[in-house]
Amino acid sequence: MYLLTELGAEEDYELVSYNPYAASDDERQWYVDYVHPHGTVPAMVDDGRGGAGVMLESAAICMCLAERHGRLLPQPDAMSDYLESVSFHCISVSHYCRKCSRRIADIISLVHLFFL
């Protein structure tokens, strides 16, 4: 959500709320079958635009959206540092959050924006 706001693209996407802890068994099974095989969030369903269908992982979704909209990207000569930084911080934050039993979807999006 934060990234879509920064990109000025809120109108281009439909945000669907899904809480795996509150979903019925049927809702969870549909989500696992058609969206995310682990039944977790985040996931981005791309209904066209030549996309890959369903994209998983916060960092990948953020980088894809930034590239698609041509904003919030580093200069080409800084791309390797950018990819290294995003990967490092996603892994570090994910590890910390698992230890603390926190959800990470929004945290990863914020880390992505912070380190651009």
PDB file of N, CA and C in Angstrom:
ATOM      1  N   MET A   1       0.826  -1.194   0.000  1.00  0.00           N
ATOM      2  CA  MET A   1       0.000   0.000   0.000  1.00  0.00           C
ATOM      3  C   MET A   1       0.867   1.253   0.000  1.00  0.00           C
ATOM      4  N   TYR A   2       1.899   1.271   0.841  1.00  0.00           N
ATOM      5  CA  TYR A   2       2.768   2.442   0.908  1.00  0.00           C
ATOM      6  C   TYR A   2       3.458   2.693  -0.426  1.00  0.00           C
ATOM      7  N   LEU A   3       3.932   1.635  -1.052  1.00  0.00           N
ATOM      8  CA  LEU A   3       4.624   1.792  -2.324  1.00  0.00           C
ATOM      9  C   LEU A   3       3.673   2.298  -3.398  1.00  0.00           C
ATOM     10  N   LEU A   4       2.455   1.779  -3.440  1.00  0.00           N
ATOM     11  CA  LEU A   4       1.491   2.251  -4.435  1.00  0.00           C
ATOM     12  C   LEU A   4       1.215   3.736  -4.253  1.00  0.00           C
ATOM     13  N   THR A   5       1.150   4.193  -3.018  1.00  0.00           N
ATOM     14  CA  THR A   5       0.952   5.620  -2.752  1.00  0.00           C
ATOM     15  C   THR A   5       2.137   6.420  -3.261  1.00  0.00           C
ATOM     16  N   GLU A   6       3.347   5.952  -2.960  1.00  0.00           N
ATOM     17  CA  GLU A   6       4.559   6.645  -3.412  1.00  0.00           C
ATOM     18  C   GLU A   6       4.642   6.689  -4.934  1.00  0.00           C
ATOM     19  N   LEU A   7       4.168   5.649  -5.580  1.00  0.00           N
ATOM     20  CA  LEU A   7       4.189   5.591  -7.045  1.00  0.00           C
ATOM     21  C   LEU A   7       3.036   6.360  -7.670  1.00  0.00           C
ATOM     22  N   GLY A   8       2.068   6.788  -6.858  1.00  0.00           N
ATOM     23  CA  GLY A   8       0.876   7.442  -7.387  1.00  0.00           C
ATOM     24  C   GLY A   8       0.022   6.469  -8.176  1.00  0.00           C
ATOM     25  N   ALA A   9       0.019   5.206  -7.750  1.00  0.00           N
ATOM     26  CA  ALA A   9      -0.633   4.159  -8.531  1.00  0.00           C
ATOM     27  C   ALA A   9      -1.768   3.462  -7.785  1.00  0.00           C
ATOM     28  N   GLU A  10      -2.315   4.099  -6.767  1.00  0.00           N
ATOM     29  CA  GLU A  10      -3.386   3.453  -6.001  1.00  0.00           C
ATOM     30  C   GLU A  10      -4.571   3.072  -6.877  1.00  0.00           C
ATOM     31  N   GLU A  11      -4.866   3.889  -7.879  1.00  0.00           N
ATOM     32  CA  GLU A  11      -6.018   3.650  -8.750  1.00  0.00           C
ATOM     33  C   GLU A  11      -5.767   2.523  -9.755  1.00  0.00           C
ATOM     34  N   ASP A  12      -4.498   2.156  -9.942  1.00  0.00           N
ATOM     35  CA  ASP A  12      -4.152   1.142 -10.936  1.00  0.00           C
ATOM     36  C   ASP A  12      -4.296  -0.285 -10.417  1.00  0.00           C
ATOM     37  N   TYR A  13      -4.457  -0.434  -9.110  1.00  0.00           N
ATOM     38  CA  TYR A  13      -4.453  -1.764  -8.508  1.00  0.00           C
ATOM     39  C   TYR A  13      -5.608  -1.899  -7.528  1.00  0.00           C
ATOM     40  N   GLU A  14      -6.095  -3.111  -7.409  1.00  0.00           N
ATOM     41  CA  GLU A  14      -7.119  -3.411  -6.419  1.00  0.00           C
ATOM     42  C   GLU A  14      -6.437  -4.133  -5.258  1.00  0.00           C
ATOM     43  N   LEU A  15      -6.503  -3.545  -4.085  1.00  0.00           N
ATOM     44  CA  LEU A  15      -5.946  -4.183  -2.901  1.00  0.00           C
ATOM     45  C   LEU A  15      -7.007  -5.078  -2.279  1.00  0.00           C
ATOM     46  N   VAL A  16      -6.657  -6.328  -2.098  1.00  0.00           N
ATOM     47  CA  VAL A  16      -7.582  -7.294  -1.519  1.00  0.00           C
ATOM     48  C   VAL A  16      -7.009  -7.723  -0.175  1.00  0.00           C
ATOM     49  N   SER A  17      -7.792  -7.518   0.851  1.00  0.00           N
ATOM     50  CA  SER A  17      -7.357  -7.895   2.190  1.00  0.00           C
ATOM     51  C   SER A  17      -7.561  -9.393   2.385  1.00  0.00           C
ATOM     52  N   TYR A  18      -6.529 -10.046   2.873  1.00  0.00           N
ATOM     53  CA  TYR A  18      -6.626 -11.471   3.173  1.00  0.00           C
ATOM     54  C   TYR A  18      -5.876 -11.735   4.460  1.00  0.00           C
ATOM     55  N   ASN A  19      -6.556 -12.277   5.426  1.00  0.00           N
ATOM     56  CA  ASN A  19      -5.948 -12.617   6.702  1.00  0.00           C
ATOM     57  C   ASN A  19      -5.965 -14.136   6.833  1.00  0.00           C
ATOM     58  N   PRO A  20      -4.812 -14.774   6.699  1.00  0.00           N
ATOM     59  CA  PRO A  20      -4.789 -16.237   6.744  1.00  0.00           C
ATOM     60  C   PRO A  20      -5.252 -16.802   8.089  1.00  0.00           C
ATOM     61  N   TYR A  21      -5.206 -15.995   9.122  1.00  0.00           N
ATOM     62  CA  TYR A  21      -5.608 -16.459  10.453  1.00  0.00           C
ATOM     63  C   TYR A  21      -7.118 -16.347  10.670  1.00  0.00           C
ATOM     64  N   ALA A  22      -7.784 -15.538   9.846  1.00  0.00           N
ATOM     65  CA  ALA A  22      -9.227 -15.347  10.001  1.00  0.00           C
ATOM     66  C   ALA A  22     -10.020 -15.992   8.864  1.00  0.00           C
ATOM     67  N   ALA A  23      -9.334 -16.539   7.874  1.00  0.00           N
ATOM     68  CA  ALA A  23     -10.013 -17.122   6.711  1.00  0.00           C
ATOM     69  C   ALA A  23     -10.678 -18.449   7.073  1.00  0.00           C
ATOM     70  N   SER A  24     -11.791 -18.711   6.411  1.00  0.00           N
ATOM     71  CA  SER A  24     -12.438 -20.012   6.571  1.00  0.00           C
ATOM     72  C   SER A  24     -11.568 -21.063   5.880  1.00  0.00           C
ATOM     73  N   ASP A  25     -11.853 -22.319   6.125  1.00  0.00           N
ATOM     74  CA  ASP A  25     -11.095 -23.393   5.474  1.00  0.00           C
ATOM     75  C   ASP A  25     -11.222 -23.315   3.956  1.00  0.00           C
ATOM     76  N   ASP A  26     -12.422 -23.012   3.455  1.00  0.00           N
ATOM     77  CA  ASP A  26     -12.637 -22.899   2.008  1.00  0.00           C
ATOM     78  C   ASP A  26     -11.869 -21.716   1.422  1.00  0.00           C
ATOM     79  N   GLU A  27     -11.891 -20.568   2.106  1.00  0.00           N
ATOM     80  CA  GLU A  27     -11.152 -19.389   1.635  1.00  0.00           C
ATOM     81  C   GLU A  27      -9.651 -19.677   1.614  1.00  0.00           C
ATOM     82  N   ARG A  28      -9.176 -20.276   2.674  1.00  0.00           N
ATOM     83  CA  ARG A  28      -7.740 -20.587   2.750  1.00  0.00           C
ATOM     84  C   ARG A  28      -7.346 -21.564   1.650  1.00  0.00           C
ATOM     85  N   GLN A  29      -8.151 -22.590   1.407  1.00  0.00           N
ATOM     86  CA  GLN A  29      -7.824 -23.568   0.367  1.00  0.00           C
ATOM     87  C   GLN A  29      -7.816 -22.906  -1.013  1.00  0.00           C
ATOM     88  N   TRP A  30      -8.787 -22.034  -1.293  1.00  0.00           N
ATOM     89  CA  TRP A  30      -8.810 -21.321  -2.575  1.00  0.00           C
ATOM     90  C   TRP A  30      -7.542 -20.477  -2.722  1.00  0.00           C
ATOM     91  N   TYR A  31      -7.175 -19.774  -1.648  1.00  0.00           N
ATOM     92  CA  TYR A  31      -5.982 -18.918  -1.684  1.00  0.00           C
ATOM     93  C   TYR A  31      -4.731 -19.755  -1.941  1.00  0.00           C
ATOM     94  N   VAL A  32      -4.603 -20.886  -1.274  1.00  0.00           N
ATOM     95  CA  VAL A  32      -3.453 -21.771  -1.472  1.00  0.00           C
ATOM     96  C   VAL A  32      -3.433 -22.312  -2.899  1.00  0.00           C
ATOM     97  N   ASP A  33      -4.586 -22.691  -3.420  1.00  0.00           N
ATOM     98  CA  ASP A  33      -4.657 -23.279  -4.761  1.00  0.00           C
ATOM     99  C   ASP A  33      -4.393 -22.271  -5.879  1.00  0.00           C
ATOM    100  N   TYR A  34      -4.857 -21.020  -5.706  1.00  0.00           N
ATOM    101  CA  TYR A  34      -4.819 -20.067  -6.811  1.00  0.00           C
ATOM    102  C   TYR A  34      -3.904 -18.861  -6.621  1.00  0.00           C
ATOM    103  N   VAL A  35      -3.459 -18.595  -5.406  1.00  0.00           N
ATOM    104  CA  VAL A  35      -2.657 -17.397  -5.192  1.00  0.00           C
ATOM    105  C   VAL A  35      -1.289 -17.726  -4.612  1.00  0.00           C
ATOM    106  N   HIS A  36      -1.233 -18.216  -3.399  1.00  0.00           N
ATOM    107  CA  HIS A  36       0.052 -18.424  -2.722  1.00  0.00           C
ATOM    108  C   HIS A  36       0.099 -19.825  -2.132  1.00  0.00           C
ATOM    109  N   PRO A  37       1.006 -20.670  -2.615  1.00  0.00           N
ATOM    110  CA  PRO A  37       1.028 -22.067  -2.174  1.00  0.00           C
ATOM    111  C   PRO A  37       1.280 -22.251  -0.674  1.00  0.00           C
ATOM    112  N   HIS A  38       1.837 -21.253  -0.020  1.00  0.00           N
ATOM    113  CA  HIS A  38       2.058 -21.346   1.424  1.00  0.00           C
ATOM    114  C   HIS A  38       0.907 -20.744   2.223  1.00  0.00           C
ATOM    115  N   GLY A  39      -0.043 -20.123   1.533  1.00  0.00           N
ATOM    116  CA  GLY A  39      -1.207 -19.540   2.205  1.00  0.00           C
ATOM    117  C   GLY A  39      -0.893 -18.289   2.989  1.00  0.00           C
ATOM    118  N   THR A  40       0.209 -17.636   2.662  1.00  0.00           N
ATOM    119  CA  THR A  40       0.614 -16.431   3.390  1.00  0.00           C
ATOM    120  C   THR A  40       0.529 -15.205   2.492  1.00  0.00           C
ATOM    121  N   VAL A  41       0.817 -14.074   3.041  1.00  0.00           N
ATOM    122  CA  VAL A  41       0.852 -12.824   2.289  1.00  0.00           C
ATOM    123  C   VAL A  41       2.271 -12.279   2.341  1.00  0.00           C
ATOM    124  N   PRO A  42       2.679 -11.471   1.416  1.00  0.00           N
ATOM    125  CA  PRO A  42       1.910 -10.850   0.346  1.00  0.00           C
ATOM    126  C   PRO A  42       1.967 -11.671  -0.941  1.00  0.00           C
ATOM    127  N   ALA A  43       1.099 -11.300  -1.832  1.00  0.00           N
ATOM    128  CA  ALA A  43       1.086 -11.850  -3.181  1.00  0.00           C
ATOM    129  C   ALA A  43       0.485 -10.790  -4.096  1.00  0.00           C
ATOM    130  N   MET A  44       0.946 -10.754  -5.325  1.00  0.00           N
ATOM    131  CA  MET A  44       0.389  -9.829  -6.302  1.00  0.00           C
ATOM    132  C   MET A  44      -0.086 -10.663  -7.487  1.00  0.00           C
ATOM    133  N   VAL A  45      -1.360 -10.564  -7.797  1.00  0.00           N
ATOM    134  CA  VAL A  45      -1.927 -11.256  -8.950  1.00  0.00           C
ATOM    135  C   VAL A  45      -1.923 -10.267 -10.099  1.00  0.00           C
ATOM    136  N   ASP A  46      -1.266 -10.637 -11.192  1.00  0.00           N
ATOM    137  CA  ASP A  46      -1.145  -9.775 -12.358  1.00  0.00           C
ATOM    138  C   ASP A  46      -2.062 -10.323 -13.440  1.00  0.00           C
ATOM    139  N   ASP A  47      -3.196  -9.653 -13.642  1.00  0.00           N
ATOM    140  CA  ASP A  47      -4.209 -10.118 -14.595  1.00  0.00           C
ATOM    141  C   ASP A  47      -3.954  -9.657 -16.028  1.00  0.00           C
ATOM    142  N   GLY A  48      -2.752  -9.547 -16.405  1.00  0.00           N
ATOM    143  CA  GLY A  48      -2.458  -9.090 -17.760  1.00  0.00           C
ATOM    144  C   GLY A  48      -1.153  -8.343 -17.778  1.00  0.00           C
ATOM    145  N   ARG A  49      -1.069  -7.349 -18.621  1.00  0.00           N
ATOM    146  CA  ARG A  49       0.133  -6.534 -18.742  1.00  0.00           C
ATOM    147  C   ARG A  49       1.383  -7.374 -18.996  1.00  0.00           C
ATOM    148  N   GLY A  50       1.191  -8.569 -19.503  1.00  0.00           N
ATOM    149  CA  GLY A  50       2.338  -9.425 -19.788  1.00  0.00           C
ATOM    150  C   GLY A  50       3.036  -9.903 -18.536  1.00  0.00           C
ATOM    151  N   GLY A  51       2.316  -9.931 -17.440  1.00  0.00           N
ATOM    152  CA  GLY A  51       2.920 -10.299 -16.167  1.00  0.00           C
ATOM    153  C   GLY A  51       3.091 -11.790 -15.995  1.00  0.00           C
ATOM    154  N   ALA A  52       3.638 -12.148 -14.862  1.00  0.00           N
ATOM    155  CA  ALA A  52       3.966 -13.539 -14.575  1.00  0.00           C
ATOM    156  C   ALA A  52       2.815 -14.287 -13.918  1.00  0.00           C
ATOM    157  N   GLY A  53       1.634 -13.708 -13.853  1.00  0.00           N
ATOM    158  CA  GLY A  53       0.507 -14.355 -13.195  1.00  0.00           C
ATOM    159  C   GLY A  53       0.439 -13.957 -11.739  1.00  0.00           C
ATOM    160  N   VAL A  54       1.104 -14.705 -10.888  1.00  0.00           N
ATOM    161  CA  VAL A  54       1.141 -14.395  -9.461  1.00  0.00           C
ATOM    162  C   VAL A  54       2.592 -14.178  -9.062  1.00  0.00           C
ATOM    163  N   MET A  55       2.834 -13.098  -8.362  1.00  0.00           N
ATOM    164  CA  MET A  55       4.179 -12.824  -7.850  1.00  0.00           C
ATOM    165  C   MET A  55       4.134 -12.865  -6.329  1.00  0.00           C
ATOM    166  N   LEU A  56       5.098 -13.547  -5.748  1.00  0.00           N
ATOM    167  CA  LEU A  56       5.206 -13.678  -4.305  1.00  0.00           C
ATOM    168  C   LEU A  56       6.455 -12.945  -3.828  1.00  0.00           C
ATOM    169  N   GLU A  57       6.527 -12.709  -2.545  1.00  0.00           N
ATOM    170  CA  GLU A  57       7.662 -12.076  -1.883  1.00  0.00           C
ATOM    171  C   GLU A  57       7.608 -10.556  -2.006  1.00  0.00           C
ATOM    172  N   SER A  58       7.657  -9.919  -0.873  1.00  0.00           N
ATOM    173  CA  SER A  58       7.520  -8.464  -0.776  1.00  0.00           C
ATOM    174  C   SER A  58       8.529  -7.702  -1.618  1.00  0.00           C
ATOM    175  N   ALA A  59       9.796  -8.081  -1.500  1.00  0.00           N
ATOM    176  CA  ALA A  59      10.828  -7.344  -2.232  1.00  0.00           C
ATOM    177  C   ALA A  59      10.625  -7.467  -3.735  1.00  0.00           C
ATOM    178  N   ALA A  60      10.300  -8.656  -4.207  1.00  0.00           N
ATOM    179  CA  ALA A  60      10.080  -8.855  -5.638  1.00  0.00           C
ATOM    180  C   ALA A  60       8.894  -8.028  -6.124  1.00  0.00           C
ATOM    181  N   ILE A  61       7.829  -7.999  -5.342  1.00  0.00           N
ATOM    182  CA  ILE A  61       6.647  -7.213  -5.708  1.00  0.00           C
ATOM    183  C   ILE A  61       7.002  -5.735  -5.765  1.00  0.00           C
ATOM    184  N   CYS A  62       7.704  -5.249  -4.755  1.00  0.00           N
ATOM    185  CA  CYS A  62       8.083  -3.831  -4.722  1.00  0.00           C
ATOM    186  C   CYS A  62       8.984  -3.465  -5.901  1.00  0.00           C
ATOM    187  N   MET A  63       9.984  -4.301  -6.195  1.00  0.00           N
ATOM    188  CA  MET A  63      10.888  -4.008  -7.305  1.00  0.00           C
ATOM    189  C   MET A  63      10.154  -4.054  -8.635  1.00  0.00           C
ATOM    190  N   CYS A  64       9.236  -5.003  -8.790  1.00  0.00           N
ATOM    191  CA  CYS A  64       8.460  -5.107 -10.024  1.00  0.00           C
ATOM    192  C   CYS A  64       7.597  -3.860 -10.230  1.00  0.00           C
ATOM    193  N   LEU A  65       6.920  -3.430  -9.176  1.00  0.00           N
ATOM    194  CA  LEU A  65       6.062  -2.243  -9.294  1.00  0.00           C
ATOM    195  C   LEU A  65       6.884  -0.987  -9.571  1.00  0.00           C
ATOM    196  N   ALA A  66       8.017  -0.846  -8.903  1.00  0.00           N
ATOM    197  CA  ALA A  66       8.873   0.320  -9.138  1.00  0.00           C
ATOM    198  C   ALA A  66       9.357   0.347 -10.584  1.00  0.00           C
ATOM    199  N   GLU A  67       9.767  -0.820 -11.094  1.00  0.00           N
ATOM    200  CA  GLU A  67      10.224  -0.895 -12.481  1.00  0.00           C
ATOM    201  C   GLU A  67       9.082  -0.630 -13.452  1.00  0.00           C
ATOM    202  N   ARG A  68       7.931  -1.204 -13.176  1.00  0.00           N
ATOM    203  CA  ARG A  68       6.771  -1.032 -14.056  1.00  0.00           C
ATOM    204  C   ARG A  68       6.379   0.439 -14.180  1.00  0.00           C
ATOM    205  N   HIS A  69       6.481   1.178 -13.080  1.00  0.00           N
ATOM    206  CA  HIS A  69       6.085   2.587 -13.084  1.00  0.00           C
ATOM    207  C   HIS A  69       7.253   3.535 -13.336  1.00  0.00           C
ATOM    208  N   GLY A  70       8.454   2.990 -13.444  1.00  0.00           N
ATOM    209  CA  GLY A  70       9.614   3.803 -13.773  1.00  0.00           C
ATOM    210  C   GLY A  70       9.966   4.845 -12.717  1.00  0.00           C
ATOM    211  N   ARG A  71       9.669   4.533 -11.466  1.00  0.00           N
ATOM    212  CA  ARG A  71       9.950   5.463 -10.369  1.00  0.00           C
ATOM    213  C   ARG A  71      10.559   4.694  -9.212  1.00  0.00           C
ATOM    214  N   LEU A  72      11.251   5.429  -8.357  1.00  0.00           N
ATOM    215  CA  LEU A  72      11.833   4.887  -7.133  1.00  0.00           C
ATOM    216  C   LEU A  72      12.871   3.807  -7.407  1.00  0.00           C
ATOM    217  N   LEU A  73      13.548   3.943  -8.521  1.00  0.00           N
ATOM    218  CA  LEU A  73      14.615   3.011  -8.874  1.00  0.00           C
ATOM    219  C   LEU A  73      15.960   3.717  -8.792  1.00  0.00           C
ATOM    220  N   PRO A  74      17.011   2.978  -8.494  1.00  0.00           N
ATOM    221  CA  PRO A  74      18.342   3.581  -8.485  1.00  0.00           C
ATOM    222  C   PRO A  74      18.836   3.823  -9.910  1.00  0.00           C
ATOM    223  N   GLN A  75      19.883   4.597 -10.027  1.00  0.00           N
ATOM    224  CA  GLN A  75      20.537   4.764 -11.322  1.00  0.00           C
ATOM    225  C   GLN A  75      21.117   3.418 -11.744  1.00  0.00           C
ATOM    226  N   PRO A  76      21.239   3.163 -13.042  1.00  0.00           N
ATOM    227  CA  PRO A  76      21.731   1.851 -13.500  1.00  0.00           C
ATOM    228  C   PRO A  76      23.069   1.444 -12.881  1.00  0.00           C
ATOM    229  N   ASP A  77      23.968   2.392 -12.664  1.00  0.00           N
ATOM    230  CA  ASP A  77      25.265   2.021 -12.105  1.00  0.00           C
ATOM    231  C   ASP A  77      25.192   1.683 -10.612  1.00  0.00           C
ATOM    232  N   ALA A  78      24.044   1.921  -9.972  1.00  0.00           N
ATOM    233  CA  ALA A  78      23.865   1.591  -8.560  1.00  0.00           C
ATOM    234  C   ALA A  78      22.949   0.380  -8.367  1.00  0.00           C
ATOM    235  N   MET A  79      22.543  -0.262  -9.464  1.00  0.00           N
ATOM    236  CA  MET A  79      21.587  -1.357  -9.366  1.00  0.00           C
ATOM    237  C   MET A  79      22.113  -2.522  -8.533  1.00  0.00           C
ATOM    238  N   SER A  80      23.371  -2.889  -8.685  1.00  0.00           N
ATOM    239  CA  SER A  80      23.881  -4.033  -7.915  1.00  0.00           C
ATOM    240  C   SER A  80      23.874  -3.730  -6.419  1.00  0.00           C
ATOM    241  N   ASP A  81      24.220  -2.505  -6.033  1.00  0.00           N
ATOM    242  CA  ASP A  81      24.160  -2.131  -4.615  1.00  0.00           C
ATOM    243  C   ASP A  81      22.725  -2.141  -4.114  1.00  0.00           C
ATOM    244  N   TYR A  82      21.806  -1.684  -4.944  1.00  0.00           N
ATOM    245  CA  TYR A  82      20.386  -1.674  -4.605  1.00  0.00           C
ATOM    246  C   TYR A  82      19.874  -3.098  -4.357  1.00  0.00           C
ATOM    247  N   LEU A  83      20.165  -3.998  -5.282  1.00  0.00           N
ATOM    248  CA  LEU A  83      19.697  -5.377  -5.140  1.00  0.00           C
ATOM    249  C   LEU A  83      20.300  -6.042  -3.911  1.00  0.00           C
ATOM    250  N   GLU A  84      21.575  -5.786  -3.668  1.00  0.00           N
ATOM    251  CA  GLU A  84      22.225  -6.349  -2.485  1.00  0.00           C
ATOM    252  C   GLU A  84      21.586  -5.817  -1.209  1.00  0.00           C
ATOM    253  N   SER A  85      21.336  -4.515  -1.164  1.00  0.00           N
ATOM    254  CA  SER A  85      20.749  -3.897   0.022  1.00  0.00           C
ATOM    255  C   SER A  85      19.337  -4.398   0.286  1.00  0.00           C
ATOM    256  N   VAL A  86      18.518  -4.443  -0.748  1.00  0.00           N
ATOM    257  CA  VAL A  86      17.140  -4.918  -0.578  1.00  0.00           C
ATOM    258  C   VAL A  86      17.145  -6.367  -0.121  1.00  0.00           C
ATOM    259  N   SER A  87      17.969  -7.200  -0.736  1.00  0.00           N
ATOM    260  CA  SER A  87      18.025  -8.613  -0.347  1.00  0.00           C
ATOM    261  C   SER A  87      18.499  -8.777   1.087  1.00  0.00           C
ATOM    262  N   PHE A  88      19.550  -8.080   1.454  1.00  0.00           N
ATOM    263  CA  PHE A  88      20.080  -8.177   2.809  1.00  0.00           C
ATOM    264  C   PHE A  88      19.040  -7.761   3.841  1.00  0.00           C
ATOM    265  N   HIS A  89      18.398  -6.637   3.607  1.00  0.00           N
ATOM    266  CA  HIS A  89      17.438  -6.133   4.587  1.00  0.00           C
ATOM    267  C   HIS A  89      16.182  -6.993   4.658  1.00  0.00           C
ATOM    268  N   CYS A  90      15.754  -7.539   3.533  1.00  0.00           N
ATOM    269  CA  CYS A  90      14.590  -8.436   3.570  1.00  0.00           C
ATOM    270  C   CYS A  90      14.902  -9.674   4.394  1.00  0.00           C
ATOM    271  N   ILE A  91      16.058 -10.246   4.196  1.00  0.00           N
ATOM    272  CA  ILE A  91      16.440 -11.440   4.952  1.00  0.00           C
ATOM    273  C   ILE A  91      16.615 -11.102   6.423  1.00  0.00           C
ATOM    274  N   SER A  92      17.272  -9.991   6.714  1.00  0.00           N
ATOM    275  CA  SER A  92      17.510  -9.596   8.102  1.00  0.00           C
ATOM    276  C   SER A  92      16.209  -9.305   8.833  1.00  0.00           C
ATOM    277  N   VAL A  93      15.333  -8.539   8.222  1.00  0.00           N
ATOM    278  CA  VAL A  93      14.061  -8.204   8.848  1.00  0.00           C
ATOM    279  C   VAL A  93      13.205  -9.454   8.989  1.00  0.00           C
ATOM    280  N   SER A  94      13.191 -10.306   7.975  1.00  0.00           N
ATOM    281  CA  SER A  94      12.407 -11.532   8.036  1.00  0.00           C
ATOM    282  C   SER A  94      12.867 -12.413   9.195  1.00  0.00           C
ATOM    283  N   HIS A  95      14.166 -12.564   9.349  1.00  0.00           N
ATOM    284  CA  HIS A  95      14.708 -13.375  10.444  1.00  0.00           C
ATOM    285  C   HIS A  95      14.301 -12.792  11.795  1.00  0.00           C
ATOM    286  N   TYR A  96      14.447 -11.493  11.947  1.00  0.00           N
ATOM    287  CA  TYR A  96      14.087 -10.830  13.202  1.00  0.00           C
ATOM    288  C   TYR A  96      12.594 -11.004  13.499  1.00  0.00           C
ATOM    289  N   CYS A  97      11.767 -10.821  12.479  1.00  0.00           N
ATOM    290  CA  CYS A  97      10.324 -10.906  12.689  1.00  0.00           C
ATOM    291  C   CYS A  97       9.878 -12.322  13.026  1.00  0.00           C
ATOM    292  N   ARG A  98      10.520 -13.321  12.442  1.00  0.00           N
ATOM    293  CA  ARG A  98      10.170 -14.696  12.793  1.00  0.00           C
ATOM    294  C   ARG A  98      10.466 -14.956  14.258  1.00  0.00           C
ATOM    295  N   LYS A  99      11.604 -14.435  14.728  1.00  0.00           N
ATOM    296  CA  LYS A  99      11.961 -14.608  16.138  1.00  0.00           C
ATOM    297  C   LYS A  99      10.932 -13.940  17.042  1.00  0.00           C
ATOM    298  N   CYS A 100      10.369 -12.837  16.574  1.00  0.00           N
ATOM    299  CA  CYS A 100       9.409 -12.081  17.372  1.00  0.00           C
ATOM    300  C   CYS A 100       7.966 -12.464  17.060  1.00  0.00           C
ATOM    301  N   SER A 101       7.766 -13.394  16.131  1.00  0.00           N
ATOM    302  CA  SER A 101       6.421 -13.832  15.702  1.00  0.00           C
ATOM    303  C   SER A 101       5.585 -12.674  15.190  1.00  0.00           C
ATOM    304  N   ARG A 102       6.191 -11.801  14.404  1.00  0.00           N
ATOM    305  CA  ARG A 102       5.465 -10.670  13.814  1.00  0.00           C
ATOM    306  C   ARG A 102       5.240 -10.916  12.339  1.00  0.00           C
ATOM    307  N   ARG A 103       4.195 -10.303  11.794  1.00  0.00           N
ATOM    308  CA  ARG A 103       3.949 -10.363  10.362  1.00  0.00           C
ATOM    309  C   ARG A 103       4.876  -9.386   9.665  1.00  0.00           C
ATOM    310  N   ILE A 104       5.369  -9.732   8.464  1.00  0.00           N
ATOM    311  CA  ILE A 104       6.389  -8.909   7.829  1.00  0.00           C
ATOM    312  C   ILE A 104       5.965  -8.202   6.547  1.00  0.00           C
ATOM    313  N   ALA A 105       4.799  -8.422   6.035  1.00  0.00           N
ATOM    314  CA  ALA A 105       4.443  -7.866   4.727  1.00  0.00           C
ATOM    315  C   ALA A 105       4.638  -6.362   4.653  1.00  0.00           C
ATOM    316  N   ASP A 106       4.089  -5.603   5.585  1.00  0.00           N
ATOM    317  CA  ASP A 106       4.220  -4.152   5.537  1.00  0.00           C
ATOM    318  C   ASP A 106       5.624  -3.693   5.886  1.00  0.00           C
ATOM    319  N   ILE A 107       6.301  -4.415   6.773  1.00  0.00           N
ATOM    320  CA  ILE A 107       7.655  -4.025   7.172  1.00  0.00           C
ATOM    321  C   ILE A 107       8.590  -4.080   5.974  1.00  0.00           C
ATOM    322  N   ILE A 108       8.505  -5.132   5.163  1.00  0.00           N
ATOM    323  CA  ILE A 108       9.381  -5.261   3.998  1.00  0.00           C
ATOM    324  C   ILE A 108       9.130  -4.110   3.028  1.00  0.00           C
ATOM    325  N   SER A 109       7.884  -3.733   2.819  1.00  0.00           N
ATOM    326  CA  SER A 109       7.576  -2.614   1.926  1.00  0.00           C
ATOM    327  C   SER A 109       8.222  -1.338   2.429  1.00  0.00           C
ATOM    328  N   LEU A 110       8.172  -1.113   3.726  1.00  0.00           N
ATOM    329  CA  LEU A 110       8.791   0.086   4.292  1.00  0.00           C
ATOM    330  C   LEU A 110      10.299   0.040   4.150  1.00  0.00           C
ATOM    331  N   VAL A 111      10.905  -1.125   4.364  1.00  0.00           N
ATOM    332  CA  VAL A 111      12.353  -1.263   4.209  1.00  0.00           C
ATOM    333  C   VAL A 111      12.742  -0.955   2.776  1.00  0.00           C
ATOM    334  N   HIS A 112      11.970  -1.464   1.827  1.00  0.00           N
ATOM    335  CA  HIS A 112      12.250  -1.217   0.411  1.00  0.00           C
ATOM    336  C   HIS A 112      12.266   0.282   0.114  1.00  0.00           C
ATOM    337  N   LEU A 113      11.261   1.004   0.583  1.00  0.00           N
ATOM    338  CA  LEU A 113      11.196   2.443   0.344  1.00  0.00           C
ATOM    339  C   LEU A 113      12.326   3.181   1.055  1.00  0.00           C
ATOM    340  N   PHE A 114      12.634   2.771   2.278  1.00  0.00           N
ATOM    341  CA  PHE A 114      13.650   3.451   3.073  1.00  0.00           C
ATOM    342  C   PHE A 114      15.037   3.352   2.446  1.00  0.00           C
ATOM    343  N   PHE A 115      15.350   2.226   1.861  1.00  0.00           N
ATOM    344  CA  PHE A 115      16.693   2.028   1.357  1.00  0.00           C
ATOM    345  C   PHE A 115      16.866   2.370  -0.104  1.00  0.00           C
ATOM    346  N   LEU A 116      15.861   2.966  -0.735  1.00  0.00           N
ATOM    347  CA  LEU A 116      16.045   3.414  -2.123  1.00  0.00           C
ATOM    348  C   LEU A 116      16.894   4.599  -2.132  1.00  0.00           C
TER     349      LEU A 116
END
